[in-house]
N, C-alpha and C. Protein backbone atom coordinates (compact mmCIF):
# COMPACT_ATOMS: atom_id res chain seq x y z
N MET A 1 27.25 -1.91 -45.53
CA MET A 1 26.08 -1.89 -46.37
C MET A 1 25.86 -3.30 -46.91
N TRP A 2 24.63 -3.77 -46.81
CA TRP A 2 24.29 -5.11 -47.32
C TRP A 2 22.87 -5.06 -47.87
N PRO A 3 22.49 -6.05 -48.69
CA PRO A 3 21.12 -6.07 -49.26
C PRO A 3 20.07 -6.17 -48.15
N CYS A 4 18.95 -5.53 -48.38
CA CYS A 4 17.85 -5.55 -47.42
C CYS A 4 17.22 -6.94 -47.37
N PRO A 5 17.05 -7.51 -46.16
CA PRO A 5 16.43 -8.83 -46.07
C PRO A 5 14.91 -8.77 -46.28
N ASN A 6 14.32 -7.59 -46.29
CA ASN A 6 12.87 -7.44 -46.46
C ASN A 6 12.48 -7.35 -47.93
N CYS A 7 13.01 -6.37 -48.65
CA CYS A 7 12.62 -6.16 -50.05
C CYS A 7 13.59 -6.79 -51.04
N ARG A 8 14.82 -7.05 -50.61
CA ARG A 8 15.88 -7.65 -51.43
C ARG A 8 16.26 -6.79 -52.64
N ILE A 9 15.87 -5.52 -52.61
CA ILE A 9 16.22 -4.60 -53.69
C ILE A 9 17.17 -3.52 -53.17
N GLY A 10 16.79 -2.93 -52.04
CA GLY A 10 17.56 -1.84 -51.48
C GLY A 10 18.74 -2.33 -50.65
N TYR A 11 19.47 -1.37 -50.10
CA TYR A 11 20.63 -1.67 -49.26
C TYR A 11 20.45 -1.04 -47.88
N MET A 12 20.89 -1.77 -46.86
CA MET A 12 20.83 -1.27 -45.50
C MET A 12 21.97 -0.29 -45.28
N ARG A 13 21.63 0.92 -44.92
CA ARG A 13 22.64 1.97 -44.73
C ARG A 13 22.62 2.44 -43.28
N PRO A 14 23.80 2.72 -42.72
CA PRO A 14 23.86 3.15 -41.31
C PRO A 14 23.28 4.55 -41.14
N ARG A 15 22.50 4.72 -40.09
CA ARG A 15 21.89 6.00 -39.73
C ARG A 15 21.76 6.06 -38.21
N ARG A 16 21.46 7.24 -37.71
CA ARG A 16 21.11 7.42 -36.30
C ARG A 16 19.65 7.83 -36.26
N ILE A 17 18.85 7.03 -35.55
CA ILE A 17 17.41 7.30 -35.48
C ILE A 17 16.97 7.28 -34.03
N THR A 18 15.72 7.58 -33.80
CA THR A 18 15.15 7.55 -32.44
C THR A 18 14.55 6.17 -32.20
N TYR A 19 14.99 5.52 -31.13
CA TYR A 19 14.45 4.23 -30.70
C TYR A 19 13.23 4.53 -29.84
N ALA A 20 12.10 3.93 -30.15
CA ALA A 20 10.88 4.14 -29.36
C ALA A 20 10.13 2.82 -29.29
N GLY A 21 9.66 2.51 -28.10
CA GLY A 21 8.89 1.29 -27.95
C GLY A 21 8.45 1.07 -26.51
N TYR A 22 7.41 0.24 -26.36
CA TYR A 22 6.94 -0.11 -25.04
C TYR A 22 7.83 -1.18 -24.42
N HIS A 23 8.17 -0.98 -23.18
CA HIS A 23 8.92 -1.96 -22.37
C HIS A 23 8.10 -2.13 -21.10
N GLY A 24 7.33 -3.20 -21.04
CA GLY A 24 6.39 -3.36 -19.94
C GLY A 24 5.29 -2.33 -20.10
N ASP A 25 5.06 -1.53 -19.09
CA ASP A 25 4.03 -0.49 -19.13
C ASP A 25 4.57 0.87 -19.54
N PHE A 26 5.86 0.97 -19.79
CA PHE A 26 6.48 2.26 -20.07
C PHE A 26 6.84 2.42 -21.54
N PHE A 27 6.63 3.62 -22.06
CA PHE A 27 7.03 3.93 -23.43
C PHE A 27 8.40 4.61 -23.34
N ILE A 28 9.40 3.99 -23.94
CA ILE A 28 10.78 4.47 -23.85
C ILE A 28 11.17 5.11 -25.18
N VAL A 29 11.81 6.29 -25.12
CA VAL A 29 12.31 6.98 -26.31
C VAL A 29 13.79 7.28 -26.09
N ILE A 30 14.62 6.84 -27.05
CA ILE A 30 16.05 7.05 -26.97
C ILE A 30 16.53 7.65 -28.28
N PRO A 31 16.98 8.92 -28.25
CA PRO A 31 17.44 9.55 -29.49
C PRO A 31 18.83 9.08 -29.90
N ASN A 32 19.17 9.27 -31.14
CA ASN A 32 20.51 8.99 -31.69
C ASN A 32 20.94 7.55 -31.56
N MET A 33 20.03 6.62 -31.74
CA MET A 33 20.35 5.19 -31.67
C MET A 33 20.90 4.74 -33.01
N PRO A 34 22.05 4.05 -33.02
CA PRO A 34 22.58 3.55 -34.29
C PRO A 34 21.69 2.46 -34.87
N ALA A 35 21.41 2.58 -36.16
CA ALA A 35 20.55 1.61 -36.83
C ALA A 35 20.94 1.53 -38.31
N TYR A 36 20.31 0.59 -38.99
CA TYR A 36 20.49 0.44 -40.43
C TYR A 36 19.12 0.51 -41.07
N ILE A 37 18.99 1.40 -42.10
CA ILE A 37 17.71 1.64 -42.75
C ILE A 37 17.85 1.29 -44.24
N CYS A 38 16.85 0.58 -44.77
CA CYS A 38 16.84 0.26 -46.19
C CYS A 38 16.52 1.52 -46.98
N ASP A 39 17.29 1.78 -48.03
CA ASP A 39 17.07 2.97 -48.83
C ASP A 39 15.89 2.85 -49.79
N VAL A 40 15.25 1.67 -49.87
CA VAL A 40 14.09 1.49 -50.73
C VAL A 40 12.80 1.33 -49.93
N CYS A 41 12.75 0.32 -49.06
CA CYS A 41 11.49 0.03 -48.34
C CYS A 41 11.42 0.64 -46.94
N GLY A 42 12.52 1.14 -46.41
CA GLY A 42 12.51 1.76 -45.10
C GLY A 42 12.62 0.78 -43.95
N ASN A 43 12.85 -0.49 -44.24
CA ASN A 43 13.04 -1.49 -43.17
C ASN A 43 14.17 -1.02 -42.26
N ARG A 44 13.98 -1.18 -40.94
CA ARG A 44 15.02 -0.74 -40.01
C ARG A 44 15.45 -1.87 -39.11
N GLN A 45 16.73 -1.88 -38.83
CA GLN A 45 17.31 -2.83 -37.88
C GLN A 45 18.24 -2.04 -36.98
N TYR A 46 18.02 -2.17 -35.66
CA TYR A 46 18.87 -1.48 -34.71
C TYR A 46 20.20 -2.19 -34.61
N ASP A 47 21.26 -1.43 -34.34
CA ASP A 47 22.58 -1.97 -34.19
C ASP A 47 22.63 -2.93 -33.00
N GLU A 48 23.13 -4.15 -33.21
CA GLU A 48 23.12 -5.17 -32.16
C GLU A 48 23.96 -4.77 -30.95
N GLU A 49 25.10 -4.16 -31.17
CA GLU A 49 25.95 -3.76 -30.04
C GLU A 49 25.26 -2.71 -29.17
N ALA A 50 24.59 -1.76 -29.83
CA ALA A 50 23.86 -0.72 -29.09
C ALA A 50 22.71 -1.34 -28.31
N LEU A 51 22.00 -2.32 -28.89
CA LEU A 51 20.90 -2.98 -28.18
C LEU A 51 21.42 -3.77 -26.98
N LEU A 52 22.58 -4.40 -27.12
CA LEU A 52 23.15 -5.15 -26.00
C LEU A 52 23.49 -4.22 -24.83
N GLN A 53 23.89 -3.00 -25.12
CA GLN A 53 24.17 -2.02 -24.06
C GLN A 53 22.89 -1.45 -23.49
N LEU A 54 21.85 -1.37 -24.30
CA LEU A 54 20.60 -0.75 -23.87
C LEU A 54 19.72 -1.68 -23.04
N MET A 55 19.63 -2.94 -23.39
CA MET A 55 18.69 -3.86 -22.74
C MET A 55 18.91 -4.03 -21.23
N PRO A 56 20.14 -4.06 -20.71
CA PRO A 56 20.27 -4.14 -19.25
C PRO A 56 19.70 -2.91 -18.53
N LEU A 57 19.64 -1.78 -19.24
CA LEU A 57 19.13 -0.56 -18.61
C LEU A 57 17.61 -0.46 -18.59
N ILE A 58 16.96 -0.94 -19.65
CA ILE A 58 15.51 -0.75 -19.74
C ILE A 58 14.71 -2.03 -19.66
N GLY A 59 15.32 -3.19 -19.73
CA GLY A 59 14.60 -4.43 -19.60
C GLY A 59 14.13 -4.98 -20.93
N PRO A 60 13.51 -6.15 -20.91
CA PRO A 60 13.08 -6.80 -22.15
C PRO A 60 11.91 -6.10 -22.80
N ARG A 61 11.83 -6.22 -24.11
CA ARG A 61 10.70 -5.63 -24.84
C ARG A 61 9.69 -6.73 -25.12
N GLU A 62 8.75 -6.87 -24.20
CA GLU A 62 7.70 -7.86 -24.36
C GLU A 62 6.44 -7.34 -23.72
N GLU A 63 5.32 -7.82 -24.17
CA GLU A 63 4.03 -7.31 -23.71
C GLU A 63 3.81 -7.51 -22.21
N GLY A 64 4.11 -8.68 -21.67
CA GLY A 64 3.82 -8.97 -20.29
C GLY A 64 4.91 -8.59 -19.31
N GLY A 65 6.10 -8.25 -19.81
CA GLY A 65 7.23 -7.97 -18.93
C GLY A 65 7.17 -6.61 -18.30
N GLN A 66 7.91 -6.43 -17.25
CA GLN A 66 8.01 -5.15 -16.58
C GLN A 66 9.38 -4.54 -16.90
N ALA A 67 9.40 -3.27 -17.21
CA ALA A 67 10.65 -2.58 -17.44
C ALA A 67 11.37 -2.37 -16.12
N GLN A 68 12.68 -2.39 -16.19
CA GLN A 68 13.46 -2.15 -14.98
C GLN A 68 13.39 -0.66 -14.65
N ASP A 69 13.59 -0.33 -13.37
CA ASP A 69 13.60 1.05 -12.92
C ASP A 69 14.77 1.76 -13.57
N LEU A 70 14.52 2.93 -14.16
CA LEU A 70 15.58 3.66 -14.85
C LEU A 70 16.33 4.60 -13.90
N GLY A 71 16.03 4.59 -12.63
CA GLY A 71 16.72 5.45 -11.69
C GLY A 71 15.74 6.10 -10.73
N VAL A 72 16.26 6.86 -9.80
CA VAL A 72 15.39 7.53 -8.84
C VAL A 72 14.77 8.76 -9.49
N GLU A 73 13.62 9.15 -9.01
CA GLU A 73 12.96 10.32 -9.54
C GLU A 73 13.68 11.58 -9.08
N PRO A 74 13.79 12.58 -9.94
CA PRO A 74 14.42 13.83 -9.52
C PRO A 74 13.60 14.50 -8.42
N PRO A 75 14.25 15.22 -7.50
CA PRO A 75 13.53 15.82 -6.38
C PRO A 75 12.52 16.88 -6.81
N ASP A 76 12.70 17.53 -7.96
CA ASP A 76 11.79 18.59 -8.38
C ASP A 76 10.67 18.08 -9.28
N ARG A 77 10.43 16.79 -9.31
CA ARG A 77 9.37 16.24 -10.15
C ARG A 77 8.01 16.69 -9.63
N PRO A 78 7.17 17.23 -10.50
CA PRO A 78 5.87 17.72 -10.05
C PRO A 78 4.98 16.58 -9.58
N GLN A 79 4.18 16.87 -8.60
CA GLN A 79 3.25 15.88 -8.07
C GLN A 79 1.83 16.30 -8.42
N GLY A 80 0.95 15.36 -8.51
CA GLY A 80 -0.44 15.69 -8.78
C GLY A 80 -1.14 14.55 -9.48
N PRO A 81 -2.47 14.65 -9.59
CA PRO A 81 -3.25 13.55 -10.17
C PRO A 81 -2.99 13.33 -11.64
N GLY A 82 -2.60 14.35 -12.41
CA GLY A 82 -2.40 14.20 -13.84
C GLY A 82 -0.99 13.78 -14.21
N TRP A 83 -0.08 13.73 -13.25
CA TRP A 83 1.31 13.43 -13.55
C TRP A 83 1.50 11.92 -13.71
N GLY A 84 2.21 11.52 -14.77
CA GLY A 84 2.51 10.12 -14.98
C GLY A 84 1.41 9.38 -15.71
N THR A 85 0.57 10.08 -16.44
CA THR A 85 -0.50 9.42 -17.18
C THR A 85 -0.05 8.98 -18.57
N HIS A 86 1.27 8.86 -18.77
CA HIS A 86 1.83 8.46 -20.06
C HIS A 86 1.86 6.96 -20.26
N ARG A 87 1.28 6.21 -19.35
CA ARG A 87 1.31 4.74 -19.48
C ARG A 87 0.31 4.25 -20.51
N ARG A 88 0.58 3.09 -21.02
CA ARG A 88 -0.25 2.47 -22.04
C ARG A 88 -1.63 2.17 -21.49
N PRO A 89 -2.70 2.51 -22.23
CA PRO A 89 -4.04 2.18 -21.76
C PRO A 89 -4.23 0.67 -21.71
N ALA A 90 -5.03 0.21 -20.77
CA ALA A 90 -5.26 -1.22 -20.59
C ALA A 90 -6.14 -1.80 -21.66
């Protein structure tokens, strides 16, 4: 636990939260990610060790970058025109 660098009033406390963000054109959601949350302003910082393990799997978090392939598609994945429309609008 340490003072919050944002509000300088609260303290950063360890929690497990859901990591969510765009990586290239893909929106990635990872549950139970270790993080530190300020008990006053809600500022969040993800655990550095967990991020170091995560980044080789999903790629850099930047607007122009492409996310790395997360694996092969399962054989029972439905096909059709509406499938996979979860990408960020242009």
